[in-house]
N, C-alpha and C. Protein backbone atom coordinates (compact mmCIF):
# COMPACT_ATOMS: atom_id res chain seq x y z
N MET A 1 40.28 -41.87 -31.73
CA MET A 1 39.26 -43.54 -32.41
C MET A 1 38.28 -43.44 -31.61
N PHE A 2 38.12 -43.02 -30.34
CA PHE A 2 37.08 -43.13 -29.35
C PHE A 2 35.60 -41.89 -29.79
N ASP A 3 36.49 -40.92 -30.43
CA ASP A 3 35.40 -39.64 -30.36
C ASP A 3 34.73 -39.99 -32.05
N THR A 4 35.50 -40.34 -32.67
CA THR A 4 34.53 -41.59 -33.82
C THR A 4 33.56 -42.20 -34.03
N LEU A 5 33.46 -43.18 -33.25
CA LEU A 5 33.09 -44.31 -33.15
C LEU A 5 31.38 -44.28 -33.07
N PHE A 6 30.77 -42.83 -32.49
CA PHE A 6 29.04 -43.15 -32.37
C PHE A 6 28.77 -41.47 -32.76
N SER A 7 27.86 -41.47 -33.59
CA SER A 7 26.93 -40.74 -33.89
C SER A 7 25.58 -40.55 -32.71
N LEU A 8 25.84 -39.22 -31.49
CA LEU A 8 24.97 -39.40 -30.08
C LEU A 8 23.73 -39.32 -30.31
N GLU A 9 23.55 -38.31 -32.06
CA GLU A 9 21.71 -38.06 -32.61
C GLU A 9 21.11 -39.02 -32.00
N HIS A 10 21.89 -40.71 -32.57
CA HIS A 10 20.71 -41.66 -33.12
C HIS A 10 21.01 -42.97 -31.55
N THR A 11 20.77 -41.63 -30.29
CA THR A 11 20.56 -42.74 -29.17
C THR A 11 19.81 -41.76 -28.39
N ILE A 12 18.99 -42.78 -27.48
CA ILE A 12 18.24 -41.99 -26.22
C ILE A 12 19.33 -41.78 -25.40
N ALA A 13 20.65 -42.19 -25.57
CA ALA A 13 21.35 -42.35 -24.24
C ALA A 13 22.42 -41.79 -24.48
N SER A 14 22.49 -40.81 -25.70
CA SER A 14 23.42 -39.07 -25.43
C SER A 14 24.21 -38.86 -24.70
N SER A 15 23.61 -38.81 -23.52
CA SER A 15 23.92 -37.72 -22.20
C SER A 15 24.84 -38.31 -21.12
N ILE A 16 24.76 -40.16 -21.09
CA ILE A 16 25.47 -40.73 -21.00
C ILE A 16 27.26 -40.90 -21.61
N LEU A 17 26.67 -40.40 -23.05
CA LEU A 17 28.39 -40.67 -23.29
C LEU A 17 28.52 -39.02 -23.73
N GLU A 18 28.00 -38.24 -23.74
CA GLU A 18 28.80 -37.28 -24.11
C GLU A 18 29.59 -36.78 -23.11
N GLY A 19 30.59 -35.93 -23.48
CA GLY A 19 31.91 -35.34 -22.85
C GLY A 19 32.67 -37.15 -21.96
N GLU A 20 32.51 -38.27 -22.48
CA GLU A 20 33.24 -39.33 -22.06
C GLU A 20 34.17 -40.23 -23.06
N SER A 21 35.60 -39.44 -23.15
CA SER A 21 36.55 -39.49 -23.58
C SER A 21 36.35 -40.87 -23.74
N LEU A 22 36.35 -41.96 -22.93
CA LEU A 22 36.51 -43.35 -22.34
C LEU A 22 35.19 -43.80 -22.53
N PRO A 23 34.45 -44.26 -24.09
CA PRO A 23 32.97 -44.36 -23.80
C PRO A 23 32.58 -45.70 -23.14
N TYR A 24 33.23 -46.56 -23.02
CA TYR A 24 33.25 -48.24 -22.22
C TYR A 24 33.08 -47.42 -20.94
N MET A 25 33.41 -46.56 -19.92
CA MET A 25 33.39 -46.29 -18.80
C MET A 25 31.57 -46.19 -18.37
N ALA A 26 30.92 -45.72 -19.93
CA ALA A 26 29.73 -45.98 -19.69
C ALA A 26 28.62 -46.67 -18.84
N LEU A 27 29.60 -48.00 -19.44
CA LEU A 27 28.67 -49.52 -19.20
C LEU A 27 28.54 -49.49 -17.95
N CYS A 28 29.53 -48.84 -16.76
CA CYS A 28 29.20 -48.81 -15.08
C CYS A 28 28.46 -48.27 -14.45
N ARG A 29 27.89 -47.45 -15.67
CA ARG A 29 26.53 -46.32 -15.06
C ARG A 29 25.51 -46.85 -15.84
N ILE A 30 25.04 -47.63 -16.41
CA ILE A 30 23.85 -48.18 -17.49
C ILE A 30 22.24 -47.69 -16.34
N GLU A 31 22.68 -49.01 -15.44
CA GLU A 31 21.50 -49.34 -14.89
C GLU A 31 20.97 -48.19 -14.16
N GLY A 32 22.03 -47.33 -13.51
CA GLY A 32 21.38 -46.19 -12.73
C GLY A 32 20.55 -45.14 -13.90
N PHE A 33 21.51 -45.11 -15.02
CA PHE A 33 21.03 -43.88 -16.25
C PHE A 33 19.60 -44.36 -16.26
N ILE A 34 19.33 -45.42 -16.74
CA ILE A 34 17.95 -45.85 -17.48
C ILE A 34 16.77 -45.60 -16.14
N ARG A 35 17.09 -46.18 -14.99
CA ARG A 35 16.03 -46.10 -14.41
C ARG A 35 15.81 -44.39 -13.86
N GLU A 36 16.63 -43.21 -14.14
CA GLU A 36 16.65 -41.82 -13.69
C GLU A 36 15.79 -41.07 -15.16
N LEU A 37 15.87 -42.25 -16.06
CA LEU A 37 16.06 -41.99 -17.30
C LEU A 37 13.74 -41.86 -17.78
N ILE A 38 13.65 -43.30 -17.10
CA ILE A 38 12.70 -43.69 -17.48
C ILE A 38 11.51 -42.91 -17.36
N PRO A 39 11.46 -42.30 -16.42
CA PRO A 39 10.05 -41.13 -15.94
C PRO A 39 9.62 -39.82 -16.51
N SER A 40 10.91 -39.87 -17.50
CA SER A 40 10.87 -38.67 -18.58
C SER A 40 10.19 -38.97 -20.00
N LEU A 41 10.25 -40.09 -20.05
CA LEU A 41 10.09 -40.77 -21.59
C LEU A 41 8.54 -40.55 -21.86
N GLY A 42 7.67 -39.73 -21.35
CA GLY A 42 6.32 -39.78 -22.00
C GLY A 42 5.22 -40.57 -22.14
N ASP A 43 4.07 -40.14 -22.98
CA ASP A 43 3.04 -40.99 -23.06
C ASP A 43 2.93 -41.67 -23.63
N GLU A 44 4.00 -42.07 -24.84
CA GLU A 44 4.00 -43.12 -25.73
C GLU A 44 4.65 -44.13 -25.27
N TYR A 45 5.31 -44.26 -23.70
CA TYR A 45 5.91 -45.67 -23.29
C TYR A 45 4.89 -46.05 -22.51
N ASP A 46 4.56 -47.44 -22.54
CA ASP A 46 4.17 -48.31 -21.14
C ASP A 46 5.53 -48.43 -20.24
N ILE A 47 5.27 -47.91 -18.90
CA ILE A 47 6.26 -48.41 -18.36
C ILE A 47 5.41 -49.36 -17.16
N THR A 48 6.18 -50.03 -16.59
CA THR A 48 6.34 -50.98 -15.53
C THR A 48 6.58 -50.69 -14.13
N ASP A 49 6.26 -50.75 -13.13
CA ASP A 49 6.48 -50.86 -11.66
C ASP A 49 8.03 -51.45 -11.36
N ASP A 50 8.44 -52.05 -11.86
CA ASP A 50 9.90 -52.32 -11.93
C ASP A 50 11.51 -51.97 -12.73
N GLY A 51 10.45 -50.95 -13.48
CA GLY A 51 11.37 -50.39 -14.61
C GLY A 51 11.80 -50.93 -16.21
N ILE A 52 10.31 -51.28 -16.59
CA ILE A 52 10.43 -52.12 -17.93
C ILE A 52 9.76 -50.46 -18.66
N ALA A 53 10.21 -49.42 -19.55
CA ALA A 53 9.86 -48.82 -20.76
C ALA A 53 9.67 -49.25 -22.38
N ILE A 54 8.36 -49.72 -22.62
CA ILE A 54 8.27 -50.16 -24.01
C ILE A 54 7.41 -49.19 -24.73
N HIS A 55 7.89 -48.65 -25.90
CA HIS A 55 7.37 -47.58 -26.91
C HIS A 55 6.36 -48.18 -27.01
N ARG A 56 5.37 -47.72 -27.14
CA ARG A 56 4.11 -48.56 -28.15
C ARG A 56 4.12 -48.84 -29.39
N SER A 57 5.10 -48.36 -30.53
CA SER A 57 4.37 -48.38 -31.86
C SER A 57 6.13 -50.15 -31.71
N ALA A 58 6.81 -49.93 -30.84
CA ALA A 58 7.47 -51.64 -30.43
C ALA A 58 6.66 -52.91 -30.83
N VAL A 59 7.33 -53.83 -31.62
CA VAL A 59 6.83 -55.38 -31.51
C VAL A 59 7.75 -55.54 -30.70
N VAL A 60 6.87 -56.53 -29.63
CA VAL A 60 7.79 -57.79 -28.93
C VAL A 60 7.05 -58.75 -28.60
N SER A 61 7.75 -59.84 -29.27
CA SER A 61 6.99 -61.41 -29.30
C SER A 61 6.50 -61.61 -28.30
N PRO A 62 5.91 -62.49 -27.99
CA PRO A 62 5.23 -63.10 -26.39
C PRO A 62 6.14 -64.34 -25.81
N SER A 63 7.34 -64.39 -26.59
CA SER A 63 8.01 -65.60 -26.11
C SER A 63 10.17 -64.56 -25.84
N ALA A 64 9.78 -63.48 -25.96
CA ALA A 64 11.16 -62.56 -25.65
C ALA A 64 10.75 -62.50 -23.98
N VAL A 65 12.07 -62.79 -23.34
CA VAL A 65 12.05 -62.39 -21.96
C VAL A 65 12.98 -61.25 -22.03
N LEU A 66 11.77 -59.80 -20.88
CA LEU A 66 12.28 -58.78 -20.54
C LEU A 66 12.86 -58.84 -18.53
N LEU A 67 13.79 -58.44 -18.61
CA LEU A 67 14.51 -58.24 -17.12
C LEU A 67 14.58 -56.71 -17.07
N PRO A 68 14.41 -56.03 -15.92
CA PRO A 68 14.90 -54.95 -15.46
C PRO A 68 16.31 -54.52 -15.42
N PRO A 69 16.63 -52.98 -15.44
CA PRO A 69 15.79 -51.65 -16.46
C PRO A 69 16.19 -51.78 -17.67
N LEU A 70 14.89 -51.49 -18.41
CA LEU A 70 14.95 -51.70 -19.47
C LEU A 70 14.49 -50.92 -20.66
N ILE A 71 15.22 -50.23 -21.58
CA ILE A 71 13.88 -49.28 -22.71
C ILE A 71 13.94 -49.46 -23.87
N ILE A 72 12.93 -49.95 -24.47
CA ILE A 72 12.63 -50.39 -25.59
C ILE A 72 11.91 -49.25 -26.48
N SER A 73 12.55 -48.66 -27.65
CA SER A 73 12.63 -47.69 -28.11
C SER A 73 11.81 -47.81 -29.47
N GLU A 74 10.95 -46.46 -29.75
CA GLU A 74 10.08 -46.38 -31.06
C GLU A 74 10.33 -47.42 -32.29
N GLY A 75 9.68 -48.11 -32.75
CA GLY A 75 9.80 -48.99 -33.60
C GLY A 75 10.38 -50.11 -33.34
N ALA A 76 10.99 -50.62 -32.64
CA ALA A 76 11.98 -51.37 -32.08
C ALA A 76 11.79 -52.95 -32.19
N GLU A 77 11.94 -54.09 -32.63
CA GLU A 77 11.14 -55.00 -32.93
C GLU A 77 12.65 -55.85 -32.04
N LEU A 78 11.45 -56.71 -31.28
CA LEU A 78 12.03 -57.54 -30.16
C LEU A 78 11.62 -59.37 -30.75
N ARG A 79 11.98 -59.95 -31.74
CA ARG A 79 11.87 -61.52 -32.04
C ARG A 79 11.61 -62.80 -31.13
N THR A 80 11.59 -63.80 -31.75
CA THR A 80 11.08 -64.93 -30.70
C THR A 80 12.49 -65.07 -29.72
N GLY A 81 11.82 -65.35 -29.02
CA GLY A 81 13.14 -65.97 -27.85
C GLY A 81 14.23 -64.61 -27.40
N ALA A 82 13.67 -63.48 -27.70
CA ALA A 82 15.23 -62.59 -27.44
C ALA A 82 15.03 -62.51 -25.62
N PHE A 83 16.20 -62.79 -25.14
CA PHE A 83 16.45 -62.68 -23.61
C PHE A 83 17.04 -61.23 -23.31
N ILE A 84 16.79 -60.57 -22.67
CA ILE A 84 16.68 -59.22 -22.50
C ILE A 84 17.45 -58.93 -21.19
N ARG A 85 18.53 -59.08 -20.45
CA ARG A 85 18.76 -59.70 -19.07
C ARG A 85 18.56 -58.35 -17.96
N GLY A 86 18.27 -57.30 -18.70
CA GLY A 86 18.56 -56.01 -17.95
C GLY A 86 19.53 -54.81 -17.95
N SER A 87 19.36 -53.68 -17.73
CA SER A 87 20.49 -52.94 -17.98
C SER A 87 20.81 -52.30 -19.82
N VAL A 88 19.48 -52.50 -20.39
CA VAL A 88 19.81 -52.07 -21.69
C VAL A 88 18.85 -51.29 -22.22
N ILE A 89 19.40 -50.33 -23.08
CA ILE A 89 19.18 -49.62 -23.52
C ILE A 89 18.60 -50.36 -25.46
N ILE A 90 17.74 -50.25 -26.12
CA ILE A 90 17.14 -50.94 -27.55
C ILE A 90 16.68 -49.23 -28.10
N GLY A 91 17.30 -48.89 -29.37
CA GLY A 91 17.15 -48.06 -29.83
C GLY A 91 16.30 -47.85 -30.84
N ARG A 92 15.67 -46.93 -31.15
CA ARG A 92 14.63 -46.46 -32.19
C ARG A 92 14.76 -47.69 -33.62
N GLY A 93 14.15 -48.43 -34.33
CA GLY A 93 14.00 -48.92 -35.05
C GLY A 93 15.38 -50.31 -34.69
N ALA A 94 15.69 -50.45 -33.63
CA ALA A 94 16.70 -51.44 -33.43
C ALA A 94 15.84 -53.08 -33.61
N VAL A 95 16.86 -54.03 -34.08
CA VAL A 95 15.91 -55.67 -34.51
C VAL A 95 16.58 -56.12 -33.49
N VAL A 96 15.94 -57.03 -32.70
CA VAL A 96 16.77 -58.00 -31.15
C VAL A 96 15.73 -59.49 -31.62
N GLY A 97 17.17 -60.13 -32.72
CA GLY A 97 16.38 -61.43 -33.09
C GLY A 97 16.17 -63.11 -32.49
N ASN A 98 16.19 -63.81 -32.96
CA ASN A 98 15.67 -64.63 -32.59
C ASN A 98 16.64 -64.92 -31.47
N SER A 99 16.37 -66.14 -30.22
CA SER A 99 17.81 -66.41 -29.43
C SER A 99 18.99 -65.41 -28.97
N VAL A 100 18.38 -64.03 -29.49
CA VAL A 100 19.47 -63.31 -29.15
C VAL A 100 19.55 -62.96 -27.42
N GLU A 101 20.96 -62.91 -26.73
CA GLU A 101 20.72 -62.58 -25.41
C GLU A 101 21.35 -61.10 -25.43
N VAL A 102 21.39 -59.98 -24.57
CA VAL A 102 21.53 -58.86 -24.37
C VAL A 102 21.76 -58.70 -22.92
N LYS A 103 22.90 -58.17 -22.31
CA LYS A 103 22.78 -57.69 -20.90
C LYS A 103 23.21 -56.11 -21.00
N ASN A 104 23.46 -55.43 -19.97
CA ASN A 104 24.25 -54.21 -19.66
C ASN A 104 24.98 -53.74 -21.18
N SER A 105 23.94 -52.88 -21.72
CA SER A 105 24.71 -52.51 -23.47
C SER A 105 23.27 -51.50 -23.92
N ILE A 106 24.00 -51.06 -24.40
CA ILE A 106 23.38 -49.76 -25.46
C ILE A 106 23.54 -50.22 -27.46
N LEU A 107 22.25 -49.89 -26.99
CA LEU A 107 22.20 -50.19 -29.00
C LEU A 107 21.34 -49.10 -29.26
N PHE A 108 22.41 -48.30 -30.14
CA PHE A 108 22.18 -47.53 -30.98
C PHE A 108 20.34 -47.43 -31.81
N ASP A 109 20.16 -46.31 -32.18
CA ASP A 109 18.75 -46.35 -32.96
C ASP A 109 19.15 -47.45 -34.71
N GLU A 110 18.69 -48.29 -34.93
CA GLU A 110 18.74 -49.19 -36.48
C GLU A 110 20.03 -49.82 -36.14
N VAL A 111 20.55 -50.18 -34.98
CA VAL A 111 20.69 -51.55 -34.88
C VAL A 111 20.54 -52.97 -35.13
N GLU A 112 21.22 -53.75 -36.21
CA GLU A 112 20.72 -55.09 -36.02
C GLU A 112 21.19 -55.98 -35.73
N VAL A 113 20.69 -56.88 -34.80
CA VAL A 113 21.51 -58.11 -34.30
C VAL A 113 20.23 -59.39 -34.38
N PRO A 114 20.23 -59.88 -35.77
CA PRO A 114 18.92 -60.36 -36.09
C PRO A 114 18.83 -62.52 -35.59
N HIS A 115 19.76 -62.99 -35.34
CA HIS A 115 19.67 -64.30 -34.86
C HIS A 115 21.28 -64.74 -34.02
N LEU A 116 20.51 -65.04 -33.00
CA LEU A 116 21.63 -66.36 -32.50
C LEU A 116 23.20 -65.58 -31.82
N SER A 117 22.71 -64.48 -31.39
CA SER A 117 24.25 -63.82 -31.09
C SER A 117 24.40 -63.30 -29.36
N TYR A 118 25.43 -62.99 -28.60
CA TYR A 118 25.23 -62.54 -27.10
C TYR A 118 26.02 -61.08 -27.43
N ILE A 119 25.25 -60.16 -26.50
CA ILE A 119 25.60 -58.84 -26.55
C ILE A 119 25.58 -58.37 -25.32
N GLY A 120 26.86 -58.20 -24.91
CA GLY A 120 27.43 -58.18 -23.21
C GLY A 120 28.34 -57.33 -23.27
N ASP A 121 27.78 -56.52 -22.08
CA ASP A 121 28.74 -55.16 -21.41
C ASP A 121 29.04 -54.53 -22.86
N SER A 122 28.58 -53.99 -23.69
CA SER A 122 28.97 -53.19 -25.20
C SER A 122 27.93 -52.31 -25.66
N ILE A 123 28.41 -51.81 -26.58
CA ILE A 123 28.10 -50.45 -26.86
C ILE A 123 28.29 -50.74 -28.70
N LEU A 124 26.91 -50.29 -29.09
CA LEU A 124 26.53 -50.79 -30.60
C LEU A 124 26.07 -49.64 -31.09
N GLY A 125 27.02 -49.23 -32.52
CA GLY A 125 27.11 -47.62 -32.59
C GLY A 125 25.09 -47.56 -33.68
N TYR A 126 24.94 -46.77 -34.50
CA TYR A 126 23.84 -46.30 -35.35
C TYR A 126 24.15 -47.37 -36.24
N LYS A 127 23.05 -47.80 -36.74
CA LYS A 127 23.02 -49.16 -37.96
C LYS A 127 23.83 -50.26 -38.16
N ALA A 128 24.73 -50.37 -37.18
CA ALA A 128 25.84 -51.54 -37.26
C ALA A 128 24.47 -52.68 -37.06
N HIS A 129 25.41 -53.48 -37.48
CA HIS A 129 24.55 -55.00 -38.11
C HIS A 129 25.73 -56.06 -37.96
N PHE A 130 25.23 -57.10 -36.88
CA PHE A 130 25.42 -58.23 -36.72
C PHE A 130 25.23 -59.86 -37.66
N GLY A 131 26.15 -60.77 -38.10
CA GLY A 131 25.46 -61.38 -38.98
C GLY A 131 24.96 -62.65 -38.11
N ALA A 132 24.51 -63.65 -38.41
CA ALA A 132 24.19 -64.62 -37.50
C ALA A 132 24.90 -65.30 -36.41
N GLY A 133 24.94 -65.51 -35.40
CA GLY A 133 25.83 -66.53 -34.22
C GLY A 133 27.25 -65.57 -33.84
N THR A 134 27.08 -64.39 -34.44
CA THR A 134 28.10 -62.90 -33.82
C THR A 134 28.23 -63.18 -32.62
N MET A 135 29.33 -62.98 -31.73
CA MET A 135 29.26 -63.39 -30.09
C MET A 135 30.15 -62.19 -29.62
N THR A 136 29.99 -61.20 -28.64
CA THR A 136 30.71 -60.40 -27.82
C THR A 136 30.98 -61.29 -26.44
N SER A 137 32.60 -61.65 -26.52
CA SER A 137 32.87 -62.15 -25.80
C SER A 137 33.53 -61.29 -24.30
N ASN A 138 32.82 -60.94 -23.01
CA ASN A 138 33.08 -60.03 -22.12
C ASN A 138 33.95 -60.25 -20.81
N VAL A 139 34.31 -61.08 -21.01
CA VAL A 139 35.32 -61.75 -19.50
C VAL A 139 36.28 -62.36 -20.73
N ARG A 140 37.34 -62.11 -19.75
CA ARG A 140 39.26 -62.94 -20.30
C ARG A 140 39.33 -63.92 -19.29
N ALA A 141 39.69 -64.99 -20.15
CA ALA A 141 39.91 -65.92 -19.61
C ALA A 141 40.80 -66.01 -18.14
N ASP A 142 41.42 -65.68 -17.84
CA ASP A 142 42.44 -65.35 -17.04
C ASP A 142 41.32 -64.09 -16.10
N LYS A 143 40.53 -63.73 -16.02
CA LYS A 143 39.48 -63.38 -15.24
C LYS A 143 40.09 -61.83 -15.04
N ARG A 144 41.05 -61.47 -15.38
CA ARG A 144 42.44 -60.05 -14.96
C ARG A 144 41.68 -58.87 -16.14
N SER A 145 41.30 -57.64 -15.75
CA SER A 145 40.70 -56.60 -16.05
C SER A 145 41.20 -56.65 -17.15
N VAL A 146 40.05 -56.27 -18.45
CA VAL A 146 40.24 -55.79 -20.06
C VAL A 146 41.08 -54.81 -20.20
N ARG A 147 41.57 -55.33 -21.10
CA ARG A 147 42.67 -54.01 -22.07
C ARG A 147 42.44 -54.13 -23.35
N ILE A 148 42.55 -52.52 -23.87
CA ILE A 148 41.81 -52.51 -25.34
C ILE A 148 42.98 -52.20 -26.69
N HIS A 149 43.52 -53.14 -26.93
CA HIS A 149 44.67 -52.98 -27.82
C HIS A 149 44.34 -51.85 -28.97
N MET A 150 44.99 -50.59 -28.65
CA MET A 150 44.66 -49.63 -29.82
C MET A 150 45.87 -49.45 -30.60
N PRO A 151 45.71 -48.72 -31.81
CA PRO A 151 46.87 -48.53 -32.52
C PRO A 151 48.05 -48.04 -32.11
N ASP A 152 47.74 -47.04 -30.76
CA ASP A 152 48.74 -46.25 -30.37
C ASP A 152 49.19 -46.76 -28.55
N GLY A 153 49.00 -47.83 -28.81
CA GLY A 153 48.95 -48.68 -27.12
C GLY A 153 48.18 -49.32 -26.39
N THR A 154 47.90 -49.82 -25.61
CA THR A 154 47.18 -50.87 -24.90
C THR A 154 46.51 -49.88 -23.72
N ILE A 155 45.57 -49.97 -23.42
CA ILE A 155 44.43 -49.30 -22.20
C ILE A 155 44.33 -50.47 -21.44
N ASP A 156 44.11 -49.99 -20.32
CA ASP A 156 43.53 -51.37 -19.09
C ASP A 156 42.69 -50.30 -18.74
N THR A 157 41.34 -50.87 -19.15
CA THR A 157 40.33 -50.39 -18.73
C THR A 157 39.67 -50.55 -17.46
N GLY A 158 40.75 -51.13 -15.85
CA GLY A 158 39.96 -51.51 -15.05
C GLY A 158 38.46 -52.49 -14.90
N LEU A 159 37.92 -52.80 -16.03
CA LEU A 159 36.88 -53.42 -16.20
C LEU A 159 36.76 -54.83 -16.15
N LEU A 160 36.22 -55.75 -14.92
CA LEU A 160 36.13 -57.09 -15.30
C LEU A 160 35.28 -57.76 -16.37
N LYS A 161 34.72 -57.00 -16.29
CA LYS A 161 33.73 -57.43 -17.69
C LYS A 161 33.52 -55.82 -19.00
N MET A 162 34.21 -56.18 -19.98
CA MET A 162 33.46 -55.51 -20.96
C MET A 162 33.67 -56.29 -22.48
N GLY A 163 32.81 -55.97 -23.17
CA GLY A 163 32.77 -56.78 -24.39
C GLY A 163 33.31 -55.92 -25.15
N ALA A 164 32.13 -55.11 -26.74
CA ALA A 164 32.84 -54.79 -28.10
C ALA A 164 32.49 -53.41 -27.74
N LEU A 165 33.05 -52.55 -28.69
CA LEU A 165 32.35 -51.12 -28.75
C LEU A 165 32.35 -51.17 -30.00
N VAL A 166 31.25 -50.90 -31.04
CA VAL A 166 30.93 -51.22 -32.14
C VAL A 166 30.58 -50.29 -32.98
N GLY A 167 31.25 -49.44 -33.74
CA GLY A 167 30.60 -47.72 -34.44
C GLY A 167 29.97 -48.18 -35.27
N ASP A 168 29.68 -46.84 -35.32
CA ASP A 168 28.00 -46.89 -36.38
C ASP A 168 28.67 -47.32 -38.09
N CYS A 169 27.29 -47.77 -38.65
CA CYS A 169 27.72 -48.78 -39.58
C CYS A 169 28.31 -49.76 -40.27
N ALA A 170 29.23 -50.65 -38.52
CA ALA A 170 29.95 -51.52 -38.97
C ALA A 170 29.08 -52.51 -38.90
N GLU A 171 29.95 -53.42 -40.05
CA GLU A 171 29.11 -54.66 -40.55
C GLU A 171 30.38 -56.11 -40.09
N VAL A 172 29.95 -56.83 -38.94
CA VAL A 172 30.02 -57.81 -38.47
C VAL A 172 29.78 -59.47 -39.08
N GLY A 173 30.30 -60.32 -39.66
CA GLY A 173 30.14 -60.99 -40.45
C GLY A 173 29.43 -62.41 -39.33
N CYS A 174 28.86 -63.38 -39.65
CA CYS A 174 28.33 -64.28 -39.88
C CYS A 174 29.64 -65.24 -38.73
N ASN A 175 28.91 -65.60 -37.27
CA ASN A 175 30.28 -66.27 -36.18
C ASN A 175 31.22 -65.58 -36.18
N ALA A 176 31.50 -64.38 -36.03
CA ALA A 176 32.22 -63.51 -35.45
C ALA A 176 32.69 -63.60 -33.98
N VAL A 177 33.90 -63.61 -33.53
CA VAL A 177 33.97 -63.28 -32.18
C VAL A 177 34.50 -62.65 -31.89
N LEU A 178 33.86 -61.38 -31.09
CA LEU A 178 34.42 -60.09 -30.93
C LEU A 178 35.51 -60.24 -29.35
N ASN A 179 36.68 -60.27 -29.44
CA ASN A 179 37.19 -60.79 -27.58
C ASN A 179 37.11 -59.32 -27.18
N PRO A 180 37.18 -59.58 -25.34
CA PRO A 180 36.67 -58.26 -24.69
C PRO A 180 37.82 -57.19 -25.03
N GLY A 181 37.28 -56.20 -25.17
CA GLY A 181 38.20 -54.95 -25.45
C GLY A 181 38.47 -54.90 -26.76
N THR A 182 37.20 -55.41 -27.52
CA THR A 182 37.28 -54.84 -29.30
C THR A 182 36.75 -53.82 -29.55
N VAL A 183 37.47 -53.02 -30.32
CA VAL A 183 36.99 -51.94 -30.80
C VAL A 183 36.57 -52.31 -32.29
N ILE A 184 35.58 -51.64 -32.70
CA ILE A 184 35.07 -51.76 -34.65
C ILE A 184 35.06 -50.34 -34.90
N GLY A 185 35.79 -50.01 -35.72
CA GLY A 185 35.60 -48.69 -35.69
C GLY A 185 34.23 -48.26 -36.71
N GLN A 186 33.57 -46.82 -37.35
CA GLN A 186 32.72 -46.76 -38.04
C GLN A 186 32.83 -47.19 -39.76
N HIS A 187 32.21 -47.84 -39.73
CA HIS A 187 31.94 -48.09 -41.19
C HIS A 187 33.16 -49.30 -41.62
N SER A 188 33.35 -50.01 -40.71
CA SER A 188 34.10 -50.75 -41.01
C SER A 188 33.59 -52.13 -40.97
N ASN A 189 34.35 -53.39 -41.77
CA ASN A 189 33.50 -54.66 -42.11
C ASN A 189 34.48 -55.80 -41.22
N VAL A 190 34.10 -56.28 -40.66
CA VAL A 190 34.84 -57.91 -39.88
C VAL A 190 34.12 -59.02 -40.65
N TYR A 191 35.14 -60.07 -41.04
CA TYR A 191 34.71 -61.00 -41.88
C TYR A 191 34.16 -62.08 -41.12
N PRO A 192 33.18 -62.87 -41.65
CA PRO A 192 32.77 -64.20 -41.16
C PRO A 192 33.95 -64.94 -40.49
N LEU A 193 33.25 -65.65 -39.77
CA LEU A 193 34.43 -67.04 -38.62
C LEU A 193 35.63 -65.52 -38.00
N THR A 194 35.91 -64.62 -38.16
CA THR A 194 36.92 -63.64 -37.24
C THR A 194 36.81 -64.03 -36.16
N SER A 195 37.72 -64.18 -35.64
CA SER A 195 37.97 -63.91 -34.15
C SER A 195 38.88 -62.85 -33.81
N VAL A 196 38.43 -61.22 -33.37
CA VAL A 196 38.89 -60.04 -33.02
C VAL A 196 39.59 -59.57 -31.86
N ARG A 197 40.69 -58.90 -31.95
CA ARG A 197 41.46 -59.28 -30.04
C ARG A 197 42.30 -57.55 -30.17
N THR A 198 41.83 -56.79 -30.90
CA THR A 198 42.26 -55.45 -31.67
C THR A 198 41.22 -54.43 -31.59
N ALA A 199 41.75 -53.21 -31.77
CA ALA A 199 40.94 -52.34 -32.58
C ALA A 199 41.15 -52.47 -34.20
N VAL A 200 39.83 -52.39 -34.64
CA VAL A 200 39.98 -51.94 -36.11
C VAL A 200 39.60 -50.75 -36.35
N PRO A 201 40.34 -49.83 -37.51
CA PRO A 201 40.42 -48.02 -37.57
C PRO A 201 39.14 -48.28 -38.26
N PRO A 202 38.66 -47.24 -38.23
CA PRO A 202 37.52 -46.91 -39.31
C PRO A 202 37.94 -46.97 -40.75
N PHE A 203 36.91 -47.23 -41.35
CA PHE A 203 36.63 -47.29 -42.66
C PHE A 203 37.65 -48.84 -42.94
N SER A 204 38.08 -49.61 -42.08
CA SER A 204 38.84 -51.05 -42.65
C SER A 204 38.39 -51.87 -42.50
N ILE A 205 38.56 -53.07 -42.93
CA ILE A 205 38.55 -54.67 -43.36
C ILE A 205 38.78 -55.47 -42.49
N CYS A 206 38.63 -56.07 -41.47
CA CYS A 206 39.18 -57.27 -40.61
C CYS A 206 38.92 -58.68 -40.89
N LYS A 207 40.33 -59.15 -41.74
CA LYS A 207 39.85 -60.58 -42.19
C LYS A 207 40.31 -61.61 -41.22
N ALA A 208 39.88 -62.93 -42.06
CA ALA A 208 40.04 -63.90 -41.16
C ALA A 208 41.29 -64.13 -40.00
N ASP A 209 42.39 -64.13 -41.08
CA ASP A 209 43.68 -64.19 -40.84
C ASP A 209 44.16 -63.04 -39.67
N GLY A 210 43.36 -62.36 -39.11
CA GLY A 210 43.75 -61.02 -38.56
C GLY A 210 44.38 -59.78 -39.10
N THR A 211 44.37 -60.41 -40.39
CA THR A 211 44.92 -58.75 -41.48
C THR A 211 43.89 -57.84 -41.84
N ILE A 212 44.18 -56.45 -41.52
CA ILE A 212 43.10 -55.21 -41.33
C ILE A 212 43.64 -54.52 -42.58
N ILE A 213 43.28 -54.44 -43.12
CA ILE A 213 43.26 -53.34 -44.31
C ILE A 213 42.21 -52.47 -44.78
N ARG A 214 42.69 -51.18 -45.30
CA ARG A 214 41.99 -50.09 -45.40
C ARG A 214 41.03 -50.14 -46.53
N LYS A 215 39.52 -49.79 -46.05
CA LYS A 215 39.00 -49.79 -47.42
C LYS A 215 39.07 -49.08 -48.62
N ARG A 216 38.95 -49.37 -49.96
CA ARG A 216 39.12 -48.60 -50.67
C ARG A 216 37.71 -47.29 -50.84
N MET A 217 37.74 -45.77 -51.04
CA MET A 217 36.94 -45.27 -51.35
C MET A 217 36.65 -44.79 -52.42
């Protein structure tokens, strides 16, 4: 399932994910990767001494708070009150909206997180979309390492912090909670107000009662 989550041609972070059979392990290396990548970005980016690179076509609200290291790609939009806490890559044409907080995460091109969300220790694939108030929970209540409940068994990631892996073109409804270690397959939908604690296969629908069904194609 991991190998079908993401289209790597739709992110500037492709090299950190290529050949990685467990994509969540890239979360451990984002900070160093960004600092190494920034010097190669070219003249289209304005780069600060402390490690923030903003493409000149990006639109960043004056009220957004930006902490390094950070890359904001071509045509991205950061709206009122966005809080980027560092170790973040925001892809081309992506939207980080009103009062959205992001840390230690990769947002592929054209991701949309428009309103009131938290994205922590997560990877959001190409054109993934979060409804208002959707949260990625990245720490277990018992503070033990995060586990991923896959269809063929449980994986202990060894990570104390991990949010969600959300595949290309996935749609997550308003006020959903993606619990630590959630995986959402590409082109899948999560209904509003759903608490997800497992892996949702690609081309599926996850309902609020926990039922997962295959989409009609």
